[in-house]
Amino acid sequence: MKRHTPDFSRKSVAIIDSRPMFRRGLMSCVLSIYETADIQEFSDYKEVAEIKSEVIFISGADLSSSEILASIKSLHKNSVHSKIVLYEYRDPLNFLLTCFQESLNGYLSGSFTENDLEDCLRCLDGNKLYLNNEVAYQMLMSNLKNKPPKEILSGLENKVAEYLLRGMGTSQIANLLDRRPSTISTVKANIFKKTQVKNVVELAKLMV
């Protein structure tokens, strides 16, 4: 069942993609939302001097990370009032943070749906950045993996982890910290979940 679509104020869209079929596919999705959108097509961002479209979609499928950054900078410089959306970026997700710092306004994964596109346009219409929940979660988890365990854990979790590594049991730790054993069990489970380990032995290897 098709969702009710608001009357978006933006009617001008540009699509930059070296693949004609993909441009047409995205154009079809945009037209199903805008109905009377004015759409421009380009095969390479380097061909573009100034785009007056209010939303610019650029594919990252055939671009390196440095080319993506260069394209965002170039488009933002030459089309100051346009909202820039990257789609089909294939490198590590953490690099997207750099893209957003360089004035990227939205990101759509390679498997985005028409509903994702509509949500993206809705966010842009409200002057908000767009990143769907699944990608945001993947970026968060990837970022946490790169941090030392002590930075991931809270103060209490670090204390419990320290006692666990000393070979203490849940009841012993509970007595030391004046907490209930059930509370320590919950904290222990959270430690394992955050550090993505299954037991104290794996935790010890990670914390060293």
N, C-alpha and C. Protein backbone atom coordinates (compact mmCIF):
# COMPACT_ATOMS: atom_id res chain seq x y z
N MET A 1 0.85 -1.20 0.00
CA MET A 1 0.00 0.00 0.00
C MET A 1 0.88 1.25 0.00
N LYS A 2 0.66 2.15 -0.94
CA LYS A 2 1.48 3.35 -1.06
C LYS A 2 1.17 4.32 0.07
N ARG A 3 2.22 4.82 0.68
CA ARG A 3 2.04 5.78 1.77
C ARG A 3 1.59 7.12 1.23
N HIS A 4 0.90 7.86 2.08
CA HIS A 4 0.52 9.22 1.70
C HIS A 4 1.77 10.07 1.59
N THR A 5 1.94 10.73 0.48
CA THR A 5 3.12 11.55 0.25
C THR A 5 2.79 13.02 0.40
N PRO A 6 3.56 13.75 1.20
CA PRO A 6 3.30 15.18 1.37
C PRO A 6 3.60 15.95 0.10
N ASP A 7 3.11 17.14 0.01
CA ASP A 7 3.39 17.99 -1.14
C ASP A 7 4.73 18.67 -0.92
N PHE A 8 5.80 18.00 -1.34
CA PHE A 8 7.13 18.55 -1.14
C PHE A 8 7.29 19.86 -1.89
N SER A 9 8.04 20.78 -1.29
CA SER A 9 8.25 22.07 -1.94
C SER A 9 9.31 21.97 -3.03
N ARG A 10 10.23 21.01 -2.91
CA ARG A 10 11.29 20.90 -3.90
C ARG A 10 10.79 20.13 -5.12
N LYS A 11 10.95 20.71 -6.29
CA LYS A 11 10.50 20.07 -7.52
C LYS A 11 11.64 19.91 -8.52
N SER A 12 12.82 20.41 -8.21
CA SER A 12 13.95 20.32 -9.13
C SER A 12 15.02 19.39 -8.58
N VAL A 13 15.38 18.39 -9.39
CA VAL A 13 16.30 17.35 -8.94
C VAL A 13 17.34 17.09 -10.02
N ALA A 14 18.58 16.84 -9.59
CA ALA A 14 19.65 16.47 -10.52
C ALA A 14 20.18 15.10 -10.10
N ILE A 15 20.50 14.27 -11.09
CA ILE A 15 21.04 12.93 -10.83
C ILE A 15 22.37 12.81 -11.56
N ILE A 16 23.43 12.50 -10.79
CA ILE A 16 24.76 12.32 -11.38
C ILE A 16 25.16 10.87 -11.21
N ASP A 17 25.20 10.13 -12.31
CA ASP A 17 25.51 8.70 -12.28
C ASP A 17 26.01 8.30 -13.66
N SER A 18 27.11 7.59 -13.72
CA SER A 18 27.69 7.20 -15.02
C SER A 18 26.87 6.12 -15.71
N ARG A 19 25.91 5.52 -15.01
CA ARG A 19 25.11 4.41 -15.56
C ARG A 19 23.72 4.89 -15.94
N PRO A 20 23.44 4.98 -17.24
CA PRO A 20 22.14 5.48 -17.71
C PRO A 20 20.93 4.75 -17.10
N MET A 21 21.01 3.43 -16.99
CA MET A 21 19.87 2.67 -16.48
C MET A 21 19.59 3.00 -15.01
N PHE A 22 20.66 3.22 -14.25
CA PHE A 22 20.48 3.56 -12.85
C PHE A 22 19.91 4.98 -12.71
N ARG A 23 20.35 5.86 -13.60
CA ARG A 23 19.78 7.22 -13.58
C ARG A 23 18.28 7.16 -13.84
N ARG A 24 17.90 6.35 -14.83
CA ARG A 24 16.47 6.25 -15.18
C ARG A 24 15.67 5.61 -14.04
N GLY A 25 16.29 4.64 -13.38
CA GLY A 25 15.60 4.00 -12.26
C GLY A 25 15.35 4.97 -11.12
N LEU A 26 16.35 5.77 -10.79
CA LEU A 26 16.19 6.76 -9.73
C LEU A 26 15.20 7.84 -10.17
N MET A 27 15.27 8.21 -11.45
CA MET A 27 14.34 9.21 -11.96
C MET A 27 12.90 8.73 -11.80
N SER A 28 12.66 7.45 -12.10
CA SER A 28 11.32 6.89 -11.97
C SER A 28 10.83 6.96 -10.53
N CYS A 29 11.73 6.66 -9.58
CA CYS A 29 11.36 6.72 -8.16
C CYS A 29 11.05 8.16 -7.74
N VAL A 30 11.87 9.10 -8.20
CA VAL A 30 11.66 10.50 -7.86
C VAL A 30 10.31 10.98 -8.40
N LEU A 31 10.01 10.60 -9.64
CA LEU A 31 8.75 11.03 -10.26
C LEU A 31 7.53 10.41 -9.59
N SER A 32 7.71 9.25 -8.97
CA SER A 32 6.58 8.64 -8.27
C SER A 32 6.25 9.41 -6.99
N ILE A 33 7.23 10.22 -6.54
CA ILE A 33 7.02 11.04 -5.33
C ILE A 33 6.66 12.48 -5.71
N TYR A 34 7.42 13.05 -6.65
CA TYR A 34 7.21 14.44 -7.03
C TYR A 34 6.17 14.63 -8.12
N GLU A 35 5.99 13.63 -8.98
CA GLU A 35 5.05 13.65 -10.10
C GLU A 35 5.43 14.62 -11.21
N THR A 36 5.71 15.86 -10.87
CA THR A 36 6.04 16.86 -11.91
C THR A 36 7.42 17.46 -11.68
N ALA A 37 8.35 16.65 -11.21
CA ALA A 37 9.69 17.15 -10.92
C ALA A 37 10.45 17.48 -12.20
N ASP A 38 11.26 18.53 -12.12
CA ASP A 38 12.16 18.91 -13.21
C ASP A 38 13.49 18.21 -12.92
N ILE A 39 13.83 17.19 -13.74
CA ILE A 39 14.99 16.37 -13.45
C ILE A 39 16.08 16.55 -14.51
N GLN A 40 17.30 16.79 -14.03
CA GLN A 40 18.46 16.89 -14.91
C GLN A 40 19.33 15.65 -14.72
N GLU A 41 19.95 15.18 -15.80
CA GLU A 41 20.82 14.00 -15.72
C GLU A 41 22.24 14.36 -16.15
N PHE A 42 23.21 13.81 -15.38
CA PHE A 42 24.62 14.01 -15.72
C PHE A 42 25.35 12.68 -15.51
N SER A 43 26.38 12.43 -16.29
CA SER A 43 27.14 11.19 -16.16
C SER A 43 28.39 11.36 -15.30
N ASP A 44 28.83 12.60 -15.08
CA ASP A 44 30.06 12.85 -14.33
C ASP A 44 29.98 14.22 -13.67
N TYR A 45 30.30 14.27 -12.39
CA TYR A 45 30.22 15.55 -11.66
C TYR A 45 31.19 16.58 -12.23
N LYS A 46 32.26 16.11 -12.90
CA LYS A 46 33.25 17.03 -13.46
C LYS A 46 32.70 17.80 -14.65
N GLU A 47 31.62 17.26 -15.24
CA GLU A 47 30.99 17.95 -16.38
C GLU A 47 30.13 19.12 -15.92
N VAL A 48 29.83 19.12 -14.63
CA VAL A 48 28.84 20.06 -14.10
C VAL A 48 29.51 21.35 -13.61
N ALA A 49 29.04 22.45 -14.11
CA ALA A 49 29.54 23.75 -13.64
C ALA A 49 28.68 24.18 -12.45
N GLU A 50 27.43 24.49 -12.73
CA GLU A 50 26.51 24.89 -11.67
C GLU A 50 25.18 24.18 -11.87
N ILE A 51 24.66 23.61 -10.80
CA ILE A 51 23.35 22.97 -10.86
C ILE A 51 22.40 23.78 -9.99
N LYS A 52 21.29 24.17 -10.55
CA LYS A 52 20.33 24.96 -9.80
C LYS A 52 19.25 24.10 -9.15
N SER A 53 19.34 22.80 -9.33
CA SER A 53 18.38 21.89 -8.71
C SER A 53 18.50 21.95 -7.20
N GLU A 54 17.39 21.79 -6.54
CA GLU A 54 17.39 21.90 -5.08
C GLU A 54 17.90 20.63 -4.41
N VAL A 55 17.85 19.51 -5.11
CA VAL A 55 18.39 18.26 -4.60
C VAL A 55 19.29 17.65 -5.66
N ILE A 56 20.51 17.27 -5.27
CA ILE A 56 21.44 16.62 -6.20
C ILE A 56 21.77 15.22 -5.67
N PHE A 57 21.46 14.22 -6.46
CA PHE A 57 21.81 12.84 -6.12
C PHE A 57 23.07 12.48 -6.89
N ILE A 58 24.07 11.95 -6.18
CA ILE A 58 25.29 11.52 -6.86
C ILE A 58 25.65 10.10 -6.43
N SER A 59 25.92 9.26 -7.42
CA SER A 59 26.27 7.88 -7.15
C SER A 59 27.75 7.78 -6.78
N GLY A 60 28.04 6.97 -5.76
CA GLY A 60 29.42 6.74 -5.38
C GLY A 60 29.93 5.39 -5.84
N ALA A 61 29.13 4.70 -6.66
CA ALA A 61 29.47 3.34 -7.09
C ALA A 61 30.79 3.26 -7.82
N ASP A 62 31.08 4.24 -8.68
CA ASP A 62 32.30 4.20 -9.50
C ASP A 62 33.36 5.19 -9.05
N LEU A 63 33.18 5.77 -7.87
CA LEU A 63 34.11 6.79 -7.39
C LEU A 63 34.92 6.29 -6.20
N SER A 64 36.15 6.72 -6.12
CA SER A 64 36.98 6.41 -4.94
C SER A 64 36.57 7.37 -3.82
N SER A 65 37.08 7.11 -2.62
CA SER A 65 36.77 7.98 -1.49
C SER A 65 37.20 9.42 -1.75
N SER A 66 38.39 9.58 -2.32
CA SER A 66 38.89 10.94 -2.60
C SER A 66 38.04 11.63 -3.66
N GLU A 67 37.56 10.86 -4.65
CA GLU A 67 36.71 11.45 -5.70
C GLU A 67 35.35 11.84 -5.14
N ILE A 68 34.85 11.05 -4.20
CA ILE A 68 33.57 11.38 -3.58
C ILE A 68 33.69 12.69 -2.80
N LEU A 69 34.75 12.82 -2.03
CA LEU A 69 34.97 14.06 -1.28
C LEU A 69 35.11 15.24 -2.23
N ALA A 70 35.87 15.04 -3.31
CA ALA A 70 36.08 16.11 -4.29
C ALA A 70 34.76 16.50 -4.93
N SER A 71 33.91 15.52 -5.22
CA SER A 71 32.62 15.82 -5.86
C SER A 71 31.71 16.60 -4.92
N ILE A 72 31.69 16.22 -3.64
CA ILE A 72 30.85 16.93 -2.67
C ILE A 72 31.32 18.37 -2.52
N LYS A 73 32.63 18.56 -2.40
CA LYS A 73 33.18 19.91 -2.28
C LYS A 73 32.86 20.75 -3.51
N SER A 74 33.04 20.15 -4.69
CA SER A 74 32.81 20.87 -5.94
C SER A 74 31.34 21.24 -6.08
N LEU A 75 30.46 20.29 -5.82
CA LEU A 75 29.02 20.55 -5.95
C LEU A 75 28.56 21.59 -4.94
N HIS A 76 29.07 21.50 -3.72
CA HIS A 76 28.67 22.46 -2.69
C HIS A 76 29.16 23.87 -3.03
N LYS A 77 30.36 23.94 -3.60
CA LYS A 77 30.93 25.24 -3.96
C LYS A 77 30.16 25.89 -5.11
N ASN A 78 29.81 25.07 -6.12
CA ASN A 78 29.16 25.60 -7.31
C ASN A 78 27.64 25.66 -7.22
N SER A 79 27.08 24.91 -6.30
CA SER A 79 25.61 24.88 -6.13
C SER A 79 25.30 25.01 -4.65
N VAL A 80 25.58 26.18 -4.11
CA VAL A 80 25.53 26.43 -2.67
C VAL A 80 24.19 26.07 -2.04
N HIS A 81 23.11 26.32 -2.74
CA HIS A 81 21.78 26.12 -2.15
C HIS A 81 21.21 24.72 -2.39
N SER A 82 21.96 23.87 -3.04
CA SER A 82 21.48 22.51 -3.31
C SER A 82 21.75 21.58 -2.13
N LYS A 83 20.86 20.61 -1.96
CA LYS A 83 21.06 19.56 -0.97
C LYS A 83 21.69 18.38 -1.70
N ILE A 84 22.80 17.86 -1.17
CA ILE A 84 23.54 16.80 -1.84
C ILE A 84 23.31 15.46 -1.15
N VAL A 85 22.91 14.47 -1.94
CA VAL A 85 22.65 13.12 -1.42
C VAL A 85 23.53 12.12 -2.14
N LEU A 86 24.29 11.36 -1.39
CA LEU A 86 25.15 10.32 -1.94
C LEU A 86 24.41 8.98 -1.86
N TYR A 87 24.55 8.16 -2.89
CA TYR A 87 23.97 6.82 -2.81
C TYR A 87 24.95 5.79 -3.39
N GLU A 88 24.80 4.56 -2.93
CA GLU A 88 25.65 3.44 -3.36
C GLU A 88 27.14 3.65 -3.08
N TYR A 89 27.45 4.14 -1.92
CA TYR A 89 28.85 4.26 -1.50
C TYR A 89 29.29 2.89 -0.99
N ARG A 90 30.46 2.40 -1.42
CA ARG A 90 30.85 1.01 -1.13
C ARG A 90 32.04 0.86 -0.19
N ASP A 91 32.63 1.92 0.27
CA ASP A 91 33.78 1.84 1.16
C ASP A 91 33.32 1.83 2.61
N PRO A 92 34.26 1.76 3.58
CA PRO A 92 33.86 1.72 5.00
C PRO A 92 32.90 2.85 5.38
N LEU A 93 31.87 2.51 6.15
CA LEU A 93 30.84 3.48 6.49
C LEU A 93 31.35 4.67 7.29
N ASN A 94 32.42 4.45 8.08
CA ASN A 94 32.93 5.55 8.89
C ASN A 94 33.35 6.74 8.04
N PHE A 95 33.72 6.48 6.79
CA PHE A 95 34.13 7.57 5.91
C PHE A 95 32.96 8.51 5.62
N LEU A 96 31.74 8.01 5.79
CA LEU A 96 30.57 8.87 5.56
C LEU A 96 30.55 10.05 6.52
N LEU A 97 31.11 9.88 7.71
CA LEU A 97 31.17 10.98 8.67
C LEU A 97 31.95 12.15 8.08
N THR A 98 33.05 11.82 7.39
CA THR A 98 33.84 12.85 6.73
C THR A 98 33.03 13.53 5.64
N CYS A 99 32.25 12.72 4.92
CA CYS A 99 31.41 13.28 3.85
C CYS A 99 30.39 14.26 4.41
N PHE A 100 29.77 13.91 5.53
CA PHE A 100 28.79 14.81 6.14
C PHE A 100 29.47 16.09 6.63
N GLN A 101 30.71 15.97 7.09
CA GLN A 101 31.45 17.16 7.51
C GLN A 101 31.76 18.06 6.33
N GLU A 102 31.78 17.48 5.14
CA GLU A 102 32.04 18.25 3.91
C GLU A 102 30.75 18.67 3.22
N SER A 103 29.68 18.82 3.98
CA SER A 103 28.41 19.36 3.50
C SER A 103 27.51 18.36 2.78
N LEU A 104 27.74 17.05 2.96
CA LEU A 104 26.78 16.07 2.46
C LEU A 104 25.51 16.19 3.28
N ASN A 105 24.35 16.08 2.64
CA ASN A 105 23.08 16.25 3.34
C ASN A 105 22.33 14.94 3.58
N GLY A 106 22.69 13.91 2.81
CA GLY A 106 21.99 12.64 2.98
C GLY A 106 22.73 11.48 2.35
N TYR A 107 22.42 10.29 2.83
CA TYR A 107 23.02 9.08 2.27
C TYR A 107 21.96 7.99 2.13
N LEU A 108 21.94 7.37 0.94
CA LEU A 108 21.05 6.25 0.67
C LEU A 108 21.91 5.04 0.33
N SER A 109 21.69 3.91 1.01
CA SER A 109 22.47 2.71 0.74
C SER A 109 22.09 2.15 -0.63
N GLY A 110 22.88 1.21 -1.12
CA GLY A 110 22.64 0.65 -2.45
C GLY A 110 21.31 -0.06 -2.57
N SER A 111 20.76 -0.53 -1.46
CA SER A 111 19.49 -1.26 -1.48
C SER A 111 18.32 -0.38 -1.03
N PHE A 112 18.43 0.93 -1.20
CA PHE A 112 17.37 1.82 -0.71
C PHE A 112 16.06 1.58 -1.46
N THR A 113 14.97 1.79 -0.76
CA THR A 113 13.64 1.60 -1.32
C THR A 113 13.00 2.97 -1.61
N GLU A 114 11.83 2.93 -2.22
CA GLU A 114 11.12 4.18 -2.49
C GLU A 114 10.74 4.87 -1.18
N ASN A 115 10.43 4.07 -0.16
CA ASN A 115 10.12 4.66 1.16
C ASN A 115 11.33 5.35 1.76
N ASP A 116 12.52 4.74 1.57
CA ASP A 116 13.76 5.39 2.05
C ASP A 116 13.97 6.72 1.33
N LEU A 117 13.72 6.71 0.02
CA LEU A 117 13.87 7.93 -0.77
C LEU A 117 12.91 9.01 -0.29
N GLU A 118 11.68 8.60 -0.03
CA GLU A 118 10.68 9.57 0.45
C GLU A 118 11.08 10.13 1.80
N ASP A 119 11.56 9.26 2.71
CA ASP A 119 12.02 9.71 4.03
C ASP A 119 13.18 10.69 3.89
N CYS A 120 14.08 10.38 2.96
CA CYS A 120 15.23 11.25 2.71
C CYS A 120 14.77 12.64 2.27
N LEU A 121 13.86 12.66 1.30
CA LEU A 121 13.37 13.93 0.79
C LEU A 121 12.60 14.71 1.86
N ARG A 122 11.92 13.98 2.70
CA ARG A 122 11.18 14.61 3.79
C ARG A 122 12.16 15.32 4.75
N CYS A 123 13.26 14.63 5.07
CA CYS A 123 14.27 15.22 5.96
C CYS A 123 14.90 16.46 5.32
N LEU A 124 15.25 16.35 4.04
CA LEU A 124 15.85 17.49 3.34
C LEU A 124 14.88 18.66 3.31
N ASP A 125 13.60 18.35 3.13
CA ASP A 125 12.58 19.39 3.08
C ASP A 125 12.52 20.14 4.42
N GLY A 126 12.86 19.44 5.51
CA GLY A 126 12.85 20.06 6.84
C GLY A 126 14.24 20.53 7.25
N ASN A 127 15.15 20.62 6.27
CA ASN A 127 16.53 21.06 6.52
C ASN A 127 17.25 20.18 7.54
N LYS A 128 16.99 18.87 7.46
CA LYS A 128 17.65 17.90 8.33
C LYS A 128 18.54 16.99 7.49
N LEU A 129 19.55 16.42 8.12
CA LEU A 129 20.39 15.44 7.46
C LEU A 129 19.66 14.11 7.43
N TYR A 130 19.98 13.28 6.42
CA TYR A 130 19.31 11.98 6.35
C TYR A 130 20.30 10.83 6.33
N LEU A 131 20.04 9.86 7.21
CA LEU A 131 20.80 8.62 7.25
C LEU A 131 19.85 7.60 7.87
N ASN A 132 19.53 6.51 7.15
CA ASN A 132 18.53 5.61 7.72
C ASN A 132 19.06 4.88 8.95
N ASN A 133 18.16 4.34 9.75
CA ASN A 133 18.51 3.77 11.05
C ASN A 133 19.50 2.62 10.95
N GLU A 134 19.33 1.77 9.93
CA GLU A 134 20.20 0.61 9.77
C GLU A 134 21.65 1.03 9.53
N VAL A 135 21.84 1.99 8.64
CA VAL A 135 23.19 2.46 8.33
C VAL A 135 23.78 3.19 9.54
N ALA A 136 22.96 3.99 10.23
CA ALA A 136 23.43 4.70 11.42
C ALA A 136 23.90 3.71 12.48
N TYR A 137 23.16 2.61 12.65
CA TYR A 137 23.54 1.58 13.64
C TYR A 137 24.85 0.92 13.24
N GLN A 138 25.00 0.60 11.95
CA GLN A 138 26.23 -0.02 11.47
C GLN A 138 27.43 0.91 11.69
N MET A 139 27.24 2.20 11.46
CA MET A 139 28.31 3.16 11.67
C MET A 139 28.67 3.24 13.15
N LEU A 140 27.67 3.22 14.01
CA LEU A 140 27.90 3.29 15.46
C LEU A 140 28.68 2.08 15.93
N MET A 141 28.26 0.89 15.50
CA MET A 141 28.93 -0.33 15.92
C MET A 141 30.36 -0.38 15.39
N SER A 142 30.55 0.07 14.16
CA SER A 142 31.88 0.09 13.58
C SER A 142 32.79 1.05 14.34
N ASN A 143 32.22 2.17 14.75
CA ASN A 143 32.99 3.17 15.51
C ASN A 143 33.37 2.63 16.89
N LEU A 144 32.45 1.90 17.51
CA LEU A 144 32.71 1.34 18.83
C LEU A 144 33.81 0.28 18.77
N LYS A 145 33.85 -0.47 17.67
CA LYS A 145 34.86 -1.52 17.53
C LYS A 145 36.27 -0.94 17.51
N ASN A 146 36.38 0.28 17.02
CA ASN A 146 37.69 0.90 16.90
C ASN A 146 38.16 1.58 18.19
N LYS A 147 37.29 1.61 19.19
CA LYS A 147 37.64 2.26 20.45
C LYS A 147 38.15 1.25 21.45
N PRO A 148 39.08 1.65 22.34
CA PRO A 148 39.53 0.76 23.40
C PRO A 148 38.35 0.39 24.28
N PRO A 149 38.31 -0.85 24.80
CA PRO A 149 37.19 -1.31 25.63
C PRO A 149 36.85 -0.37 26.78
N LYS A 150 37.88 0.22 27.42
CA LYS A 150 37.63 1.09 28.56
C LYS A 150 36.84 2.35 28.18
N GLU A 151 36.95 2.77 26.94
CA GLU A 151 36.20 3.95 26.48
C GLU A 151 34.76 3.59 26.16
N ILE A 152 34.52 2.31 25.84
CA ILE A 152 33.17 1.86 25.50
C ILE A 152 32.33 1.66 26.76
N LEU A 153 32.98 1.18 27.82
CA LEU A 153 32.28 0.81 29.04
C LEU A 153 32.09 2.00 29.98
N SER A 154 31.02 1.93 30.77
CA SER A 154 30.76 2.97 31.79
C SER A 154 31.68 2.74 32.98
N GLY A 155 31.63 3.66 33.94
CA GLY A 155 32.47 3.54 35.12
C GLY A 155 32.21 2.25 35.88
N LEU A 156 30.94 1.95 36.13
CA LEU A 156 30.57 0.73 36.84
C LEU A 156 30.98 -0.51 36.04
N GLU A 157 30.77 -0.47 34.74
CA GLU A 157 31.11 -1.61 33.89
C GLU A 157 32.62 -1.86 33.90
N ASN A 158 33.42 -0.80 33.92
CA ASN A 158 34.87 -0.98 33.99
C ASN A 158 35.29 -1.61 35.32
N LYS A 159 34.63 -1.20 36.41
CA LYS A 159 34.95 -1.78 37.72
C LYS A 159 34.61 -3.27 37.74
N VAL A 160 33.42 -3.60 37.24
CA VAL A 160 32.99 -5.01 37.22
C VAL A 160 33.91 -5.82 36.31
N ALA A 161 34.30 -5.25 35.17
CA ALA A 161 35.20 -5.94 34.25
C ALA A 161 36.54 -6.23 34.93
N GLU A 162 37.02 -5.25 35.68
CA GLU A 162 38.30 -5.41 36.38
C GLU A 162 38.23 -6.56 37.38
N TYR A 163 37.12 -6.64 38.14
CA TYR A 163 36.95 -7.72 39.12
C TYR A 163 36.77 -9.07 38.43
N LEU A 164 36.07 -9.07 37.30
CA LEU A 164 35.89 -10.31 36.55
C LEU A 164 37.24 -10.86 36.09
N LEU A 165 38.10 -9.96 35.66
CA LEU A 165 39.42 -10.37 35.18
C LEU A 165 40.31 -10.87 36.33
N ARG A 166 39.94 -10.51 37.55
CA ARG A 166 40.68 -11.02 38.73
C ARG A 166 40.17 -12.39 39.15
N GLY A 167 39.16 -12.86 38.42
CA GLY A 167 38.63 -14.20 38.72
C GLY A 167 37.50 -14.21 39.72
N MET A 168 36.97 -13.06 40.06
CA MET A 168 35.87 -12.99 41.04
C MET A 168 34.54 -13.36 40.39
N GLY A 169 33.66 -13.94 41.21
CA GLY A 169 32.33 -14.30 40.76
C GLY A 169 31.34 -13.17 40.96
N THR A 170 30.14 -13.37 40.48
CA THR A 170 29.09 -12.35 40.56
C THR A 170 28.78 -11.95 42.00
N SER A 171 28.66 -12.95 42.89
CA SER A 171 28.33 -12.67 44.30
C SER A 171 29.43 -11.88 45.00
N GLN A 172 30.67 -12.24 44.72
CA GLN A 172 31.81 -11.53 45.32
C GLN A 172 31.83 -10.06 44.90
N ILE A 173 31.62 -9.85 43.60
CA ILE A 173 31.62 -8.48 43.08
C ILE A 173 30.47 -7.69 43.66
N ALA A 174 29.33 -8.34 43.80
CA ALA A 174 28.15 -7.68 44.37
C ALA A 174 28.43 -7.22 45.79
N ASN A 175 29.09 -8.06 46.58
CA ASN A 175 29.43 -7.69 47.96
C ASN A 175 30.42 -6.53 48.01
N LEU A 176 31.41 -6.58 47.13
CA LEU A 176 32.42 -5.52 47.10
C LEU A 176 31.83 -4.17 46.71
N LEU A 177 30.90 -4.19 45.79
CA LEU A 177 30.32 -2.94 45.28
C LEU A 177 29.00 -2.59 45.94
N ASP A 178 28.59 -3.42 46.91
CA ASP A 178 27.32 -3.20 47.62
C ASP A 178 26.15 -3.11 46.64
N ARG A 179 26.11 -4.07 45.75
CA ARG A 179 25.03 -4.17 44.76
C ARG A 179 24.41 -5.56 44.84
N ARG A 180 23.25 -5.71 44.25
CA ARG A 180 22.61 -7.02 44.18
C ARG A 180 23.30 -7.88 43.13
N PRO A 181 23.37 -9.19 43.36
CA PRO A 181 23.97 -10.08 42.37
C PRO A 181 23.29 -9.98 41.01
N SER A 182 21.97 -9.77 41.01
CA SER A 182 21.23 -9.66 39.74
C SER A 182 21.69 -8.42 38.97
N THR A 183 22.01 -7.35 39.71
CA THR A 183 22.51 -6.12 39.07
C THR A 183 23.86 -6.38 38.42
N ILE A 184 24.74 -7.08 39.13
CA ILE A 184 26.07 -7.38 38.59
C ILE A 184 25.96 -8.30 37.38
N SER A 185 25.01 -9.23 37.43
CA SER A 185 24.79 -10.13 36.29
C SER A 185 24.37 -9.34 35.05
N THR A 186 23.52 -8.34 35.27
CA THR A 186 23.07 -7.49 34.15
C THR A 186 24.23 -6.68 33.60
N VAL A 187 25.04 -6.12 34.51
CA VAL A 187 26.21 -5.34 34.10
C VAL A 187 27.19 -6.22 33.32
N LYS A 188 27.39 -7.43 33.80
CA LYS A 188 28.28 -8.38 33.12
C LYS A 188 27.79 -8.67 31.71
N ALA A 189 26.49 -8.88 31.57
CA ALA A 189 25.91 -9.15 30.24
C ALA A 189 26.11 -7.95 29.32
N ASN A 190 25.95 -6.74 29.86
CA ASN A 190 26.15 -5.52 29.07
C ASN A 190 27.61 -5.38 28.63
N ILE A 191 28.53 -5.76 29.51
CA ILE A 191 29.96 -5.71 29.17
C ILE A 191 30.25 -6.63 27.99
N PHE A 192 29.74 -7.85 28.06
CA PHE A 192 29.96 -8.82 26.99
C PHE A 192 29.33 -8.34 25.68
N LYS A 193 28.16 -7.72 25.79
CA LYS A 193 27.46 -7.25 24.59
C LYS A 193 28.22 -6.10 23.95
N LYS A 194 28.67 -5.14 24.76
CA LYS A 194 29.37 -3.96 24.23
C LYS A 194 30.73 -4.32 23.62
N THR A 195 31.41 -5.25 24.26
CA THR A 195 32.75 -5.63 23.77
C THR A 195 32.68 -6.79 22.78
N GLN A 196 31.48 -7.35 22.62
CA GLN A 196 31.24 -8.45 21.67
C GLN A 196 32.12 -9.67 21.97
N VAL A 197 32.17 -10.04 23.25
CA VAL A 197 32.87 -11.26 23.66
C VAL A 197 31.86 -12.22 24.28
N LYS A 198 32.27 -13.49 24.41
CA LYS A 198 31.36 -14.51 24.92
C LYS A 198 31.69 -14.94 26.34
N ASN A 199 32.92 -14.66 26.78
CA ASN A 199 33.31 -15.09 28.12
C ASN A 199 34.43 -14.21 28.67
N VAL A 200 34.83 -14.47 29.90
CA VAL A 200 35.84 -13.66 30.57
C VAL A 200 37.22 -13.83 29.91
N VAL A 201 37.48 -15.02 29.38
CA VAL A 201 38.76 -15.27 28.72
C VAL A 201 38.93 -14.34 27.51
N GLU A 202 37.87 -14.23 26.70
CA GLU A 202 37.90 -13.34 25.53
C GLU A 202 37.99 -11.88 25.97
N LEU A 203 37.32 -11.57 27.08
CA LEU A 203 37.36 -10.20 27.60
C LEU A 203 38.78 -9.86 28.05
N ALA A 204 39.46 -10.82 28.68
CA ALA A 204 40.82 -10.59 29.16
C ALA A 204 41.75 -10.29 27.99
N LYS A 205 41.60 -11.00 26.89
CA LYS A 205 42.45 -10.79 25.71
C LYS A 205 42.21 -9.39 25.14
N LEU A 206 40.95 -8.95 25.23
CA LEU A 206 40.60 -7.64 24.67
C LEU A 206 41.07 -6.49 25.54
N MET A 207 41.04 -6.69 26.85
CA MET A 207 41.34 -5.62 27.79
C MET A 207 42.85 -5.42 28.00
N VAL A 208 43.64 -6.43 27.65
CA VAL A 208 45.09 -6.33 27.85
C VAL A 208 45.69 -5.31 26.88
